[in-house]
Amino acid sequence: MAFLVSVPVPFPNISWWAFASNTDEILFDINGHFEKMSYRNRYCIAGANGVITLSIPLQQGRNQRIPLKDVLISNKENWQTQHWRTITSAYRRTPYFEHYEHLLQPLFEQPFERLVDFNFAAIHWLKRQLKTDFTEQIADHFQKEYNDAAFDIRQKQKPATEEKFTVDYPKYYQLFEDRIGFQPNLSMLDLLFAEGPYAAQWVKKNAPLLML
């Protein structure tokens, strides 16, 4: 794959990481308009009662039509504490949560004003833990289409596209699978807490099934 075109999202899902692991360079688009019902301000994890969507509140709500780089987080709501408590509750009994807990918690204590700053911090945190090797560039302007040298997944980064994942999705250990069934393509956090240092290897092995 020549290079990947993506928007920065918080704690990207597993399929995103499969794309990222199979490219040498990612071009991040932060100039396109914020899109509601996308992963630009949300990520999904598995809880005891089903999939939990963790959303980052925005100052002007989700209907704003401004460049992603200008979207501001609403810190009036104690969302970081809420997210961390939810993550801890969902994953404290997984095989590797304790290994990463002290490394991840500071990210939910550090203040962020812009959405893209938190999103990049979340991506870079995962990148360090997974030792994923790709270079990054930030686009200096919005470009609707790219040539064949690019693989553009910007319009794939929406919950509505998840329907393509079927029973053929490769499985890994999930704490609540016996209660809620296996949940495909959650945030990469889910796989990391289950597989630990083997998570990156799992993604590379199963990439052909994940890059849909």
N, C-alpha and C. Protein backbone atom coordinates (compact mmCIF):
# COMPACT_ATOMS: atom_id res chain seq x y z
N MET A 1 0.85 -1.19 0.00
CA MET A 1 0.00 0.00 0.00
C MET A 1 0.89 1.25 0.00
N ALA A 2 0.69 2.15 -0.95
CA ALA A 2 1.55 3.32 -1.07
C ALA A 2 1.45 4.21 0.17
N PHE A 3 0.27 4.80 0.41
CA PHE A 3 0.07 5.52 1.65
C PHE A 3 -1.42 5.55 1.97
N LEU A 4 -1.70 5.74 3.23
CA LEU A 4 -3.07 5.69 3.75
C LEU A 4 -3.54 7.11 4.03
N VAL A 5 -4.78 7.42 3.64
CA VAL A 5 -5.39 8.70 3.97
C VAL A 5 -6.47 8.45 5.00
N SER A 6 -6.38 9.13 6.13
CA SER A 6 -7.29 8.87 7.23
C SER A 6 -7.54 10.16 8.00
N VAL A 7 -8.61 10.17 8.79
CA VAL A 7 -8.78 11.22 9.78
C VAL A 7 -8.31 10.65 11.12
N PRO A 8 -7.76 11.48 11.99
CA PRO A 8 -7.35 10.97 13.30
C PRO A 8 -8.58 10.76 14.18
N VAL A 9 -8.71 9.57 14.72
CA VAL A 9 -9.84 9.24 15.59
C VAL A 9 -9.29 8.72 16.91
N PRO A 10 -10.07 8.82 18.00
CA PRO A 10 -9.56 8.36 19.29
C PRO A 10 -9.55 6.84 19.40
N PHE A 11 -8.43 6.29 19.80
CA PHE A 11 -8.27 4.84 19.98
C PHE A 11 -8.93 4.08 18.83
N PRO A 12 -8.35 4.15 17.63
CA PRO A 12 -8.96 3.57 16.43
C PRO A 12 -9.30 2.09 16.60
N ASN A 13 -10.25 1.65 15.76
CA ASN A 13 -10.66 0.25 15.84
C ASN A 13 -9.62 -0.67 15.19
N ILE A 14 -9.87 -1.95 15.29
CA ILE A 14 -8.89 -2.95 14.87
C ILE A 14 -8.65 -2.92 13.37
N SER A 15 -9.70 -2.71 12.58
CA SER A 15 -9.51 -2.66 11.13
C SER A 15 -8.64 -1.47 10.74
N TRP A 16 -8.81 -0.34 11.42
CA TRP A 16 -7.94 0.82 11.15
C TRP A 16 -6.49 0.44 11.39
N TRP A 17 -6.25 -0.29 12.47
CA TRP A 17 -4.87 -0.65 12.79
C TRP A 17 -4.30 -1.63 11.79
N ALA A 18 -5.16 -2.45 11.20
CA ALA A 18 -4.70 -3.35 10.14
C ALA A 18 -4.22 -2.55 8.93
N PHE A 19 -4.98 -1.52 8.55
CA PHE A 19 -4.55 -0.65 7.46
C PHE A 19 -3.23 0.05 7.82
N ALA A 20 -3.16 0.59 9.04
CA ALA A 20 -1.97 1.32 9.47
C ALA A 20 -0.74 0.42 9.51
N SER A 21 -0.94 -0.84 9.85
CA SER A 21 0.18 -1.78 9.95
C SER A 21 0.69 -2.23 8.59
N ASN A 22 -0.08 -1.95 7.55
CA ASN A 22 0.30 -2.39 6.21
C ASN A 22 0.60 -1.22 5.29
N THR A 23 0.97 -0.11 5.87
CA THR A 23 1.38 1.04 5.08
C THR A 23 2.66 1.62 5.66
N ASP A 24 3.38 2.34 4.85
CA ASP A 24 4.60 2.99 5.34
C ASP A 24 4.33 4.40 5.83
N GLU A 25 3.22 4.98 5.34
CA GLU A 25 2.96 6.37 5.67
C GLU A 25 1.46 6.62 5.77
N ILE A 26 1.06 7.44 6.74
CA ILE A 26 -0.33 7.85 6.88
C ILE A 26 -0.41 9.36 6.70
N LEU A 27 -1.31 9.78 5.84
CA LEU A 27 -1.60 11.20 5.67
C LEU A 27 -2.88 11.50 6.42
N PHE A 28 -2.78 12.29 7.47
CA PHE A 28 -3.94 12.61 8.29
C PHE A 28 -4.63 13.87 7.78
N ASP A 29 -5.92 13.76 7.54
CA ASP A 29 -6.73 14.89 7.09
C ASP A 29 -7.42 15.50 8.30
N ILE A 30 -7.04 16.71 8.66
CA ILE A 30 -7.69 17.41 9.77
C ILE A 30 -8.41 18.66 9.27
N ASN A 31 -8.47 18.80 7.93
CA ASN A 31 -9.06 20.00 7.33
C ASN A 31 -10.49 19.78 6.86
N GLY A 32 -10.89 18.53 6.69
CA GLY A 32 -12.27 18.25 6.32
C GLY A 32 -13.22 18.56 7.46
N HIS A 33 -14.48 18.78 7.13
CA HIS A 33 -15.46 19.11 8.15
C HIS A 33 -15.70 17.95 9.10
N PHE A 34 -15.98 18.31 10.34
CA PHE A 34 -16.39 17.30 11.32
C PHE A 34 -17.67 16.64 10.83
N GLU A 35 -17.76 15.33 10.95
CA GLU A 35 -18.95 14.59 10.53
C GLU A 35 -19.56 13.89 11.74
N LYS A 36 -20.84 14.17 11.98
CA LYS A 36 -21.52 13.46 13.07
C LYS A 36 -21.72 12.00 12.66
N MET A 37 -21.99 11.16 13.65
CA MET A 37 -22.17 9.72 13.43
C MET A 37 -20.93 9.09 12.83
N SER A 38 -19.78 9.61 13.18
CA SER A 38 -18.51 9.03 12.73
C SER A 38 -17.67 8.74 13.97
N TYR A 39 -16.49 8.17 13.74
CA TYR A 39 -15.60 7.86 14.86
C TYR A 39 -14.70 9.04 15.24
N ARG A 40 -14.95 10.19 14.71
CA ARG A 40 -14.06 11.32 14.98
C ARG A 40 -14.02 11.70 16.45
N ASN A 41 -15.10 11.44 17.18
CA ASN A 41 -15.09 11.75 18.62
C ASN A 41 -15.64 10.60 19.45
N ARG A 42 -15.45 9.37 18.97
CA ARG A 42 -15.97 8.23 19.73
C ARG A 42 -15.16 6.97 19.46
N TYR A 43 -15.24 6.05 20.39
CA TYR A 43 -14.63 4.73 20.23
C TYR A 43 -15.46 3.73 21.02
N CYS A 44 -15.33 2.47 20.65
CA CYS A 44 -16.21 1.43 21.21
C CYS A 44 -15.41 0.36 21.94
N ILE A 45 -15.92 -0.02 23.10
CA ILE A 45 -15.32 -1.10 23.89
C ILE A 45 -16.43 -2.08 24.26
N ALA A 46 -16.04 -3.22 24.83
CA ALA A 46 -17.02 -4.23 25.23
C ALA A 46 -17.20 -4.20 26.74
N GLY A 47 -18.47 -4.13 27.17
CA GLY A 47 -18.79 -4.19 28.59
C GLY A 47 -19.60 -5.43 28.90
N ALA A 48 -19.97 -5.60 30.14
CA ALA A 48 -20.69 -6.80 30.56
C ALA A 48 -22.06 -6.92 29.90
N ASN A 49 -22.65 -5.79 29.50
CA ASN A 49 -23.99 -5.81 28.92
C ASN A 49 -24.02 -5.51 27.43
N GLY A 50 -22.86 -5.44 26.81
CA GLY A 50 -22.81 -5.18 25.37
C GLY A 50 -21.76 -4.14 25.02
N VAL A 51 -21.80 -3.70 23.78
CA VAL A 51 -20.84 -2.70 23.31
C VAL A 51 -21.14 -1.34 23.94
N ILE A 52 -20.10 -0.68 24.41
CA ILE A 52 -20.22 0.65 25.01
C ILE A 52 -19.54 1.65 24.08
N THR A 53 -20.27 2.68 23.70
CA THR A 53 -19.69 3.75 22.89
C THR A 53 -19.30 4.90 23.80
N LEU A 54 -18.04 5.23 23.80
CA LEU A 54 -17.53 6.34 24.61
C LEU A 54 -17.35 7.55 23.71
N SER A 55 -18.11 8.60 23.98
CA SER A 55 -18.09 9.80 23.14
C SER A 55 -17.42 10.95 23.87
N ILE A 56 -16.67 11.73 23.13
CA ILE A 56 -16.03 12.92 23.67
C ILE A 56 -16.95 14.11 23.41
N PRO A 57 -17.42 14.79 24.44
CA PRO A 57 -18.36 15.90 24.24
C PRO A 57 -17.68 17.09 23.57
N LEU A 58 -18.45 17.78 22.73
CA LEU A 58 -17.91 18.89 21.95
C LEU A 58 -18.59 20.19 22.33
N GLN A 59 -17.85 21.29 22.24
CA GLN A 59 -18.38 22.57 22.68
C GLN A 59 -19.60 23.02 21.90
N GLN A 60 -19.62 22.76 20.60
CA GLN A 60 -20.75 23.20 19.79
C GLN A 60 -21.61 22.02 19.33
N GLY A 61 -21.49 20.91 20.01
CA GLY A 61 -22.31 19.76 19.65
C GLY A 61 -21.80 19.05 18.41
N ARG A 62 -22.53 18.03 18.00
CA ARG A 62 -22.06 17.21 16.89
C ARG A 62 -22.53 17.68 15.53
N ASN A 63 -23.36 18.74 15.47
CA ASN A 63 -23.89 19.21 14.19
C ASN A 63 -23.06 20.32 13.56
N GLN A 64 -21.95 20.66 14.18
CA GLN A 64 -21.13 21.76 13.65
C GLN A 64 -20.47 21.37 12.33
N ARG A 65 -20.34 22.34 11.45
CA ARG A 65 -19.72 22.12 10.14
C ARG A 65 -18.47 22.98 10.05
N ILE A 66 -17.47 22.60 10.80
CA ILE A 66 -16.20 23.31 10.79
C ILE A 66 -15.09 22.28 10.60
N PRO A 67 -13.91 22.71 10.17
CA PRO A 67 -12.81 21.76 10.00
C PRO A 67 -12.53 21.01 11.30
N LEU A 68 -12.17 19.75 11.16
CA LEU A 68 -11.89 18.93 12.33
C LEU A 68 -10.84 19.57 13.23
N LYS A 69 -9.85 20.23 12.64
CA LYS A 69 -8.77 20.82 13.43
C LYS A 69 -9.26 21.93 14.35
N ASP A 70 -10.46 22.46 14.09
CA ASP A 70 -10.99 23.57 14.89
C ASP A 70 -12.03 23.12 15.91
N VAL A 71 -12.35 21.85 15.93
CA VAL A 71 -13.37 21.34 16.86
C VAL A 71 -12.80 21.31 18.28
N LEU A 72 -13.54 21.92 19.21
CA LEU A 72 -13.09 22.01 20.60
C LEU A 72 -13.87 21.05 21.49
N ILE A 73 -13.16 20.51 22.47
CA ILE A 73 -13.77 19.60 23.43
C ILE A 73 -14.50 20.40 24.51
N SER A 74 -15.64 19.88 24.94
CA SER A 74 -16.36 20.49 26.06
C SER A 74 -15.87 19.84 27.35
N ASN A 75 -15.04 20.55 28.08
CA ASN A 75 -14.49 20.01 29.31
C ASN A 75 -15.32 20.38 30.54
N LYS A 76 -16.50 20.96 30.31
CA LYS A 76 -17.41 21.19 31.43
C LYS A 76 -17.90 19.87 31.99
N GLU A 77 -18.01 18.89 31.10
CA GLU A 77 -18.38 17.55 31.52
C GLU A 77 -17.11 16.79 31.89
N ASN A 78 -17.18 16.03 32.94
CA ASN A 78 -16.00 15.32 33.41
C ASN A 78 -15.82 14.03 32.62
N TRP A 79 -15.69 14.18 31.30
CA TRP A 79 -15.73 13.02 30.41
C TRP A 79 -14.51 12.12 30.57
N GLN A 80 -13.35 12.69 30.86
CA GLN A 80 -12.15 11.85 30.98
C GLN A 80 -12.25 10.90 32.16
N THR A 81 -12.74 11.41 33.29
CA THR A 81 -12.94 10.54 34.45
C THR A 81 -13.97 9.47 34.15
N GLN A 82 -15.05 9.86 33.47
CA GLN A 82 -16.10 8.89 33.13
C GLN A 82 -15.56 7.82 32.19
N HIS A 83 -14.80 8.21 31.19
CA HIS A 83 -14.23 7.25 30.25
C HIS A 83 -13.29 6.28 30.99
N TRP A 84 -12.44 6.83 31.84
CA TRP A 84 -11.47 5.99 32.53
C TRP A 84 -12.16 4.99 33.46
N ARG A 85 -13.18 5.44 34.16
CA ARG A 85 -13.92 4.53 35.04
C ARG A 85 -14.59 3.43 34.24
N THR A 86 -15.13 3.78 33.08
CA THR A 86 -15.78 2.78 32.23
C THR A 86 -14.77 1.77 31.70
N ILE A 87 -13.64 2.26 31.24
CA ILE A 87 -12.58 1.38 30.74
C ILE A 87 -12.09 0.45 31.85
N THR A 88 -11.86 1.00 33.02
CA THR A 88 -11.39 0.20 34.15
C THR A 88 -12.40 -0.88 34.52
N SER A 89 -13.67 -0.50 34.58
CA SER A 89 -14.72 -1.46 34.92
C SER A 89 -14.81 -2.58 33.89
N ALA A 90 -14.65 -2.24 32.62
CA ALA A 90 -14.79 -3.23 31.55
C ALA A 90 -13.58 -4.15 31.43
N TYR A 91 -12.39 -3.66 31.76
CA TYR A 91 -11.18 -4.41 31.42
C TYR A 91 -10.29 -4.81 32.59
N ARG A 92 -10.65 -4.49 33.80
CA ARG A 92 -9.73 -4.76 34.91
C ARG A 92 -9.45 -6.24 35.11
N ARG A 93 -10.33 -7.11 34.60
CA ARG A 93 -10.10 -8.56 34.74
C ARG A 93 -9.56 -9.20 33.47
N THR A 94 -9.19 -8.40 32.49
CA THR A 94 -8.60 -8.96 31.26
C THR A 94 -7.12 -9.28 31.51
N PRO A 95 -6.53 -10.13 30.68
CA PRO A 95 -5.16 -10.60 30.94
C PRO A 95 -4.10 -9.51 31.06
N TYR A 96 -4.23 -8.42 30.28
CA TYR A 96 -3.12 -7.47 30.22
C TYR A 96 -3.46 -6.06 30.69
N PHE A 97 -4.66 -5.85 31.25
CA PHE A 97 -5.02 -4.48 31.63
C PHE A 97 -4.04 -3.91 32.66
N GLU A 98 -3.69 -4.69 33.66
CA GLU A 98 -2.79 -4.18 34.70
C GLU A 98 -1.42 -3.80 34.13
N HIS A 99 -1.03 -4.46 33.06
CA HIS A 99 0.26 -4.15 32.43
C HIS A 99 0.28 -2.75 31.83
N TYR A 100 -0.87 -2.32 31.31
CA TYR A 100 -0.94 -1.03 30.62
C TYR A 100 -1.62 0.07 31.44
N GLU A 101 -2.24 -0.28 32.53
CA GLU A 101 -3.06 0.67 33.29
C GLU A 101 -2.29 1.93 33.66
N HIS A 102 -1.12 1.77 34.25
CA HIS A 102 -0.36 2.94 34.71
C HIS A 102 0.17 3.77 33.55
N LEU A 103 0.25 3.18 32.37
CA LEU A 103 0.71 3.91 31.19
C LEU A 103 -0.42 4.69 30.53
N LEU A 104 -1.63 4.14 30.62
CA LEU A 104 -2.77 4.75 29.95
C LEU A 104 -3.46 5.82 30.79
N GLN A 105 -3.52 5.63 32.09
CA GLN A 105 -4.28 6.54 32.94
C GLN A 105 -3.87 8.01 32.79
N PRO A 106 -2.58 8.33 32.67
CA PRO A 106 -2.22 9.75 32.53
C PRO A 106 -2.86 10.45 31.33
N LEU A 107 -3.19 9.69 30.30
CA LEU A 107 -3.83 10.28 29.12
C LEU A 107 -5.21 10.82 29.47
N PHE A 108 -5.83 10.23 30.50
CA PHE A 108 -7.15 10.67 30.92
C PHE A 108 -7.08 11.68 32.06
N GLU A 109 -5.89 12.11 32.38
CA GLU A 109 -5.70 13.15 33.40
C GLU A 109 -5.13 14.43 32.79
N GLN A 110 -4.57 14.30 31.60
CA GLN A 110 -3.99 15.44 30.89
C GLN A 110 -5.09 16.26 30.22
N PRO A 111 -5.10 17.58 30.37
CA PRO A 111 -6.14 18.39 29.74
C PRO A 111 -5.93 18.54 28.23
N PHE A 112 -7.02 18.51 27.50
CA PHE A 112 -6.99 18.72 26.05
C PHE A 112 -8.07 19.73 25.69
N GLU A 113 -7.76 20.64 24.77
CA GLU A 113 -8.75 21.60 24.30
C GLU A 113 -9.32 21.20 22.94
N ARG A 114 -8.43 20.81 22.02
CA ARG A 114 -8.89 20.44 20.68
C ARG A 114 -9.09 18.93 20.58
N LEU A 115 -10.11 18.55 19.84
CA LEU A 115 -10.39 17.13 19.66
C LEU A 115 -9.22 16.42 18.99
N VAL A 116 -8.63 17.04 17.97
CA VAL A 116 -7.54 16.37 17.25
C VAL A 116 -6.34 16.12 18.15
N ASP A 117 -6.13 16.95 19.14
CA ASP A 117 -4.99 16.75 20.03
C ASP A 117 -5.18 15.49 20.88
N PHE A 118 -6.38 15.28 21.38
CA PHE A 118 -6.63 14.04 22.12
C PHE A 118 -6.55 12.84 21.18
N ASN A 119 -7.12 12.98 19.99
CA ASN A 119 -7.11 11.86 19.04
C ASN A 119 -5.68 11.44 18.69
N PHE A 120 -4.84 12.42 18.40
CA PHE A 120 -3.45 12.10 18.08
C PHE A 120 -2.74 11.49 19.29
N ALA A 121 -3.02 11.99 20.47
CA ALA A 121 -2.39 11.43 21.68
C ALA A 121 -2.80 9.98 21.86
N ALA A 122 -4.06 9.66 21.59
CA ALA A 122 -4.54 8.28 21.71
C ALA A 122 -3.89 7.37 20.67
N ILE A 123 -3.78 7.85 19.44
CA ILE A 123 -3.13 7.07 18.38
C ILE A 123 -1.66 6.83 18.71
N HIS A 124 -0.99 7.87 19.16
CA HIS A 124 0.44 7.74 19.45
C HIS A 124 0.68 6.83 20.66
N TRP A 125 -0.24 6.85 21.62
CA TRP A 125 -0.11 5.94 22.76
C TRP A 125 -0.19 4.49 22.28
N LEU A 126 -1.17 4.19 21.46
CA LEU A 126 -1.29 2.83 20.92
C LEU A 126 -0.09 2.47 20.06
N LYS A 127 0.37 3.42 19.29
CA LYS A 127 1.52 3.17 18.41
C LYS A 127 2.75 2.76 19.23
N ARG A 128 2.94 3.41 20.37
CA ARG A 128 4.09 3.07 21.22
C ARG A 128 3.94 1.68 21.82
N GLN A 129 2.74 1.37 22.30
CA GLN A 129 2.55 0.07 22.94
C GLN A 129 2.66 -1.07 21.92
N LEU A 130 2.17 -0.84 20.72
CA LEU A 130 2.15 -1.88 19.68
C LEU A 130 3.43 -1.91 18.85
N LYS A 131 4.27 -0.87 19.06
CA LYS A 131 5.52 -0.76 18.29
C LYS A 131 5.24 -0.82 16.78
N THR A 132 4.17 -0.15 16.38
CA THR A 132 3.80 -0.07 14.97
C THR A 132 4.66 0.99 14.29
N ASP A 133 5.22 0.65 13.16
CA ASP A 133 6.17 1.54 12.49
C ASP A 133 5.56 2.14 11.24
N PHE A 134 5.02 3.33 11.35
CA PHE A 134 4.58 4.07 10.17
C PHE A 134 4.90 5.54 10.39
N THR A 135 5.21 6.24 9.31
CA THR A 135 5.45 7.67 9.40
C THR A 135 4.13 8.40 9.21
N GLU A 136 4.08 9.63 9.68
CA GLU A 136 2.85 10.42 9.62
C GLU A 136 3.11 11.78 8.98
N GLN A 137 2.12 12.23 8.24
CA GLN A 137 2.10 13.60 7.76
C GLN A 137 0.70 14.14 7.97
N ILE A 138 0.61 15.44 8.16
CA ILE A 138 -0.69 16.10 8.29
C ILE A 138 -0.92 16.92 7.03
N ALA A 139 -2.03 16.66 6.36
CA ALA A 139 -2.35 17.39 5.12
C ALA A 139 -2.51 18.88 5.42
N ASP A 140 -1.98 19.72 4.54
CA ASP A 140 -2.07 21.16 4.77
C ASP A 140 -3.33 21.78 4.20
N HIS A 141 -4.13 20.97 3.47
CA HIS A 141 -5.40 21.46 2.95
C HIS A 141 -6.32 20.27 2.71
N PHE A 142 -7.60 20.54 2.57
CA PHE A 142 -8.56 19.47 2.31
C PHE A 142 -8.50 19.06 0.85
N GLN A 143 -8.50 17.78 0.61
CA GLN A 143 -8.52 17.24 -0.75
C GLN A 143 -9.59 16.16 -0.80
N LYS A 144 -10.56 16.35 -1.67
CA LYS A 144 -11.70 15.43 -1.71
C LYS A 144 -11.30 14.05 -2.20
N GLU A 145 -10.46 13.99 -3.22
CA GLU A 145 -10.06 12.70 -3.79
C GLU A 145 -8.55 12.64 -3.97
N TYR A 146 -8.04 11.42 -3.92
CA TYR A 146 -6.61 11.18 -4.15
C TYR A 146 -6.45 10.21 -5.30
N ASN A 147 -5.25 10.16 -5.86
CA ASN A 147 -5.01 9.26 -6.98
C ASN A 147 -4.87 7.82 -6.50
N ASP A 148 -4.60 6.93 -7.42
CA ASP A 148 -4.56 5.50 -7.11
C ASP A 148 -3.41 5.11 -6.19
N ALA A 149 -2.48 6.00 -5.98
CA ALA A 149 -1.36 5.69 -5.09
C ALA A 149 -1.77 5.73 -3.62
N ALA A 150 -2.95 6.28 -3.36
CA ALA A 150 -3.43 6.40 -1.98
C ALA A 150 -4.58 5.44 -1.71
N PHE A 151 -4.67 5.01 -0.47
CA PHE A 151 -5.82 4.23 -0.03
C PHE A 151 -6.57 5.10 0.96
N ASP A 152 -7.70 5.63 0.53
CA ASP A 152 -8.45 6.62 1.29
C ASP A 152 -9.55 5.93 2.10
N ILE A 153 -9.43 5.93 3.42
CA ILE A 153 -10.44 5.27 4.26
C ILE A 153 -11.27 6.28 5.06
N ARG A 154 -11.23 7.54 4.68
CA ARG A 154 -11.94 8.56 5.47
C ARG A 154 -13.43 8.27 5.58
N GLN A 155 -14.03 7.79 4.49
CA GLN A 155 -15.47 7.53 4.52
C GLN A 155 -15.80 6.16 5.12
N LYS A 156 -14.79 5.38 5.43
CA LYS A 156 -15.01 4.09 6.08
C LYS A 156 -15.04 4.22 7.60
N GLN A 157 -14.65 5.37 8.11
CA GLN A 157 -14.50 5.53 9.55
C GLN A 157 -15.80 5.97 10.21
N LYS A 158 -16.82 5.14 10.02
CA LYS A 158 -18.15 5.39 10.56
C LYS A 158 -18.74 4.10 11.09
N PRO A 159 -19.50 4.16 12.19
CA PRO A 159 -20.14 2.94 12.70
C PRO A 159 -21.03 2.26 11.67
N ALA A 160 -21.60 3.02 10.75
CA ALA A 160 -22.51 2.44 9.75
C ALA A 160 -21.81 1.44 8.85
N THR A 161 -20.49 1.52 8.74
CA THR A 161 -19.76 0.60 7.87
C THR A 161 -19.44 -0.71 8.57
N GLU A 162 -19.80 -0.85 9.83
CA GLU A 162 -19.45 -2.05 10.58
C GLU A 162 -20.24 -3.28 10.14
N GLU A 163 -21.33 -3.09 9.41
CA GLU A 163 -22.17 -4.22 9.02
C GLU A 163 -21.43 -5.22 8.15
N LYS A 164 -20.34 -4.82 7.52
CA LYS A 164 -19.62 -5.72 6.63
C LYS A 164 -18.89 -6.82 7.39
N PHE A 165 -18.70 -6.64 8.70
CA PHE A 165 -18.00 -7.66 9.47
C PHE A 165 -18.99 -8.76 9.87
N THR A 166 -18.68 -9.99 9.49
CA THR A 166 -19.59 -11.12 9.66
C THR A 166 -19.00 -12.12 10.64
N VAL A 167 -19.60 -13.32 10.65
CA VAL A 167 -19.13 -14.38 11.54
C VAL A 167 -17.73 -14.85 11.16
N ASP A 168 -17.24 -14.47 9.98
CA ASP A 168 -15.90 -14.85 9.55
C ASP A 168 -14.81 -14.00 10.20
N TYR A 169 -15.20 -12.99 10.95
CA TYR A 169 -14.23 -12.11 11.60
C TYR A 169 -13.38 -12.95 12.55
N PRO A 170 -12.05 -12.85 12.46
CA PRO A 170 -11.18 -13.65 13.34
C PRO A 170 -11.40 -13.30 14.81
N LYS A 171 -11.43 -14.31 15.64
CA LYS A 171 -11.72 -14.10 17.05
C LYS A 171 -10.45 -14.09 17.90
N TYR A 172 -10.56 -13.42 19.02
CA TYR A 172 -9.55 -13.44 20.07
C TYR A 172 -10.31 -13.46 21.39
N TYR A 173 -9.61 -13.58 22.48
CA TYR A 173 -10.27 -13.66 23.78
C TYR A 173 -10.98 -12.36 24.11
N GLN A 174 -12.26 -12.47 24.47
CA GLN A 174 -13.01 -11.33 25.00
C GLN A 174 -13.66 -11.75 26.31
N LEU A 175 -13.50 -10.94 27.32
CA LEU A 175 -13.92 -11.27 28.67
C LEU A 175 -15.39 -11.64 28.77
N PHE A 176 -16.23 -10.93 28.02
CA PHE A 176 -17.68 -11.12 28.16
C PHE A 176 -18.30 -11.87 26.99
N GLU A 177 -17.50 -12.59 26.23
CA GLU A 177 -18.04 -13.28 25.05
C GLU A 177 -19.13 -14.28 25.42
N ASP A 178 -18.99 -14.97 26.53
CA ASP A 178 -20.00 -15.96 26.91
C ASP A 178 -21.33 -15.31 27.26
N ARG A 179 -21.31 -14.01 27.55
CA ARG A 179 -22.52 -13.29 27.94
C ARG A 179 -23.13 -12.50 26.79
N ILE A 180 -22.28 -11.85 25.99
CA ILE A 180 -22.80 -10.95 24.94
C ILE A 180 -22.38 -11.38 23.54
N GLY A 181 -21.67 -12.51 23.44
CA GLY A 181 -21.16 -12.94 22.14
C GLY A 181 -19.91 -12.18 21.76
N PHE A 182 -19.22 -12.66 20.74
CA PHE A 182 -18.00 -11.98 20.30
C PHE A 182 -18.37 -10.70 19.56
N GLN A 183 -17.69 -9.62 19.90
CA GLN A 183 -17.96 -8.31 19.30
C GLN A 183 -16.79 -7.91 18.40
N PRO A 184 -16.99 -7.86 17.09
CA PRO A 184 -15.89 -7.57 16.16
C PRO A 184 -15.55 -6.09 16.06
N ASN A 185 -14.31 -5.84 15.72
CA ASN A 185 -13.83 -4.51 15.34
C ASN A 185 -14.09 -3.41 16.37
N LEU A 186 -13.79 -3.72 17.60
CA LEU A 186 -13.86 -2.71 18.65
C LEU A 186 -12.59 -1.86 18.61
N SER A 187 -12.49 -0.92 19.54
CA SER A 187 -11.27 -0.15 19.67
C SER A 187 -10.08 -1.08 19.86
N MET A 188 -8.94 -0.67 19.37
CA MET A 188 -7.72 -1.46 19.52
C MET A 188 -7.40 -1.71 20.98
N LEU A 189 -7.94 -0.91 21.88
CA LEU A 189 -7.75 -1.15 23.31
C LEU A 189 -8.24 -2.53 23.70
N ASP A 190 -9.36 -2.96 23.12
CA ASP A 190 -9.94 -4.25 23.45
C ASP A 190 -8.97 -5.38 23.14
N LEU A 191 -8.38 -5.34 21.97
CA LEU A 191 -7.41 -6.37 21.57
C LEU A 191 -6.13 -6.27 22.40
N LEU A 192 -5.68 -5.06 22.68
CA LEU A 192 -4.45 -4.87 23.44
C LEU A 192 -4.58 -5.45 24.84
N PHE A 193 -5.70 -5.21 25.51
CA PHE A 193 -5.88 -5.72 26.86
C PHE A 193 -6.06 -7.24 26.89
N ALA A 194 -6.45 -7.81 25.76
CA ALA A 194 -6.62 -9.27 25.67
C ALA A 194 -5.33 -9.97 25.28
N GLU A 195 -4.60 -9.40 24.32
CA GLU A 195 -3.43 -10.07 23.75
C GLU A 195 -2.10 -9.46 24.16
N GLY A 196 -2.13 -8.27 24.74
CA GLY A 196 -0.90 -7.65 25.20
C GLY A 196 0.12 -7.48 24.09
N PRO A 197 1.36 -7.87 24.33
CA PRO A 197 2.42 -7.68 23.33
C PRO A 197 2.22 -8.48 22.05
N TYR A 198 1.26 -9.39 22.05
CA TYR A 198 0.99 -10.19 20.85
C TYR A 198 -0.08 -9.55 19.96
N ALA A 199 -0.64 -8.42 20.40
CA ALA A 199 -1.73 -7.79 19.66
C ALA A 199 -1.31 -7.36 18.26
N ALA A 200 -0.13 -6.77 18.14
CA ALA A 200 0.34 -6.31 16.83
C ALA A 200 0.53 -7.49 15.89
N GLN A 201 1.06 -8.58 16.41
CA GLN A 201 1.26 -9.78 15.60
C GLN A 201 -0.08 -10.35 15.14
N TRP A 202 -1.08 -10.30 16.02
CA TRP A 202 -2.42 -10.79 15.68
C TRP A 202 -3.00 -9.97 14.52
N VAL A 203 -2.82 -8.66 14.57
CA VAL A 203 -3.33 -7.79 13.52
C VAL A 203 -2.67 -8.11 12.19
N LYS A 204 -1.36 -8.24 12.17
CA LYS A 204 -0.65 -8.53 10.92
C LYS A 204 -1.08 -9.88 10.35
N LYS A 205 -1.24 -10.86 11.20
CA LYS A 205 -1.63 -12.20 10.76
C LYS A 205 -3.01 -12.19 10.12
N ASN A 206 -3.92 -11.41 10.67
CA ASN A 206 -5.31 -11.42 10.22
C ASN A 206 -5.67 -10.23 9.33
N ALA A 207 -4.68 -9.45 8.92
CA ALA A 207 -4.94 -8.23 8.15
C ALA A 207 -5.83 -8.44 6.93
N PRO A 208 -5.64 -9.51 6.12
CA PRO A 208 -6.50 -9.67 4.94
C PRO A 208 -7.99 -9.75 5.27
N LEU A 209 -8.33 -10.25 6.46
CA LEU A 209 -9.74 -10.35 6.85
C LEU A 209 -10.24 -9.06 7.48
N LEU A 210 -9.33 -8.21 7.91
CA LEU A 210 -9.70 -6.99 8.62
C LEU A 210 -9.79 -5.78 7.70
N MET A 211 -9.07 -5.80 6.60
CA MET A 211 -9.00 -4.64 5.70
C MET A 211 -10.11 -4.73 4.66
N LEU A 212 -11.33 -4.49 5.11
CA LEU A 212 -12.50 -4.59 4.22
C LEU A 212 -13.06 -3.22 3.90
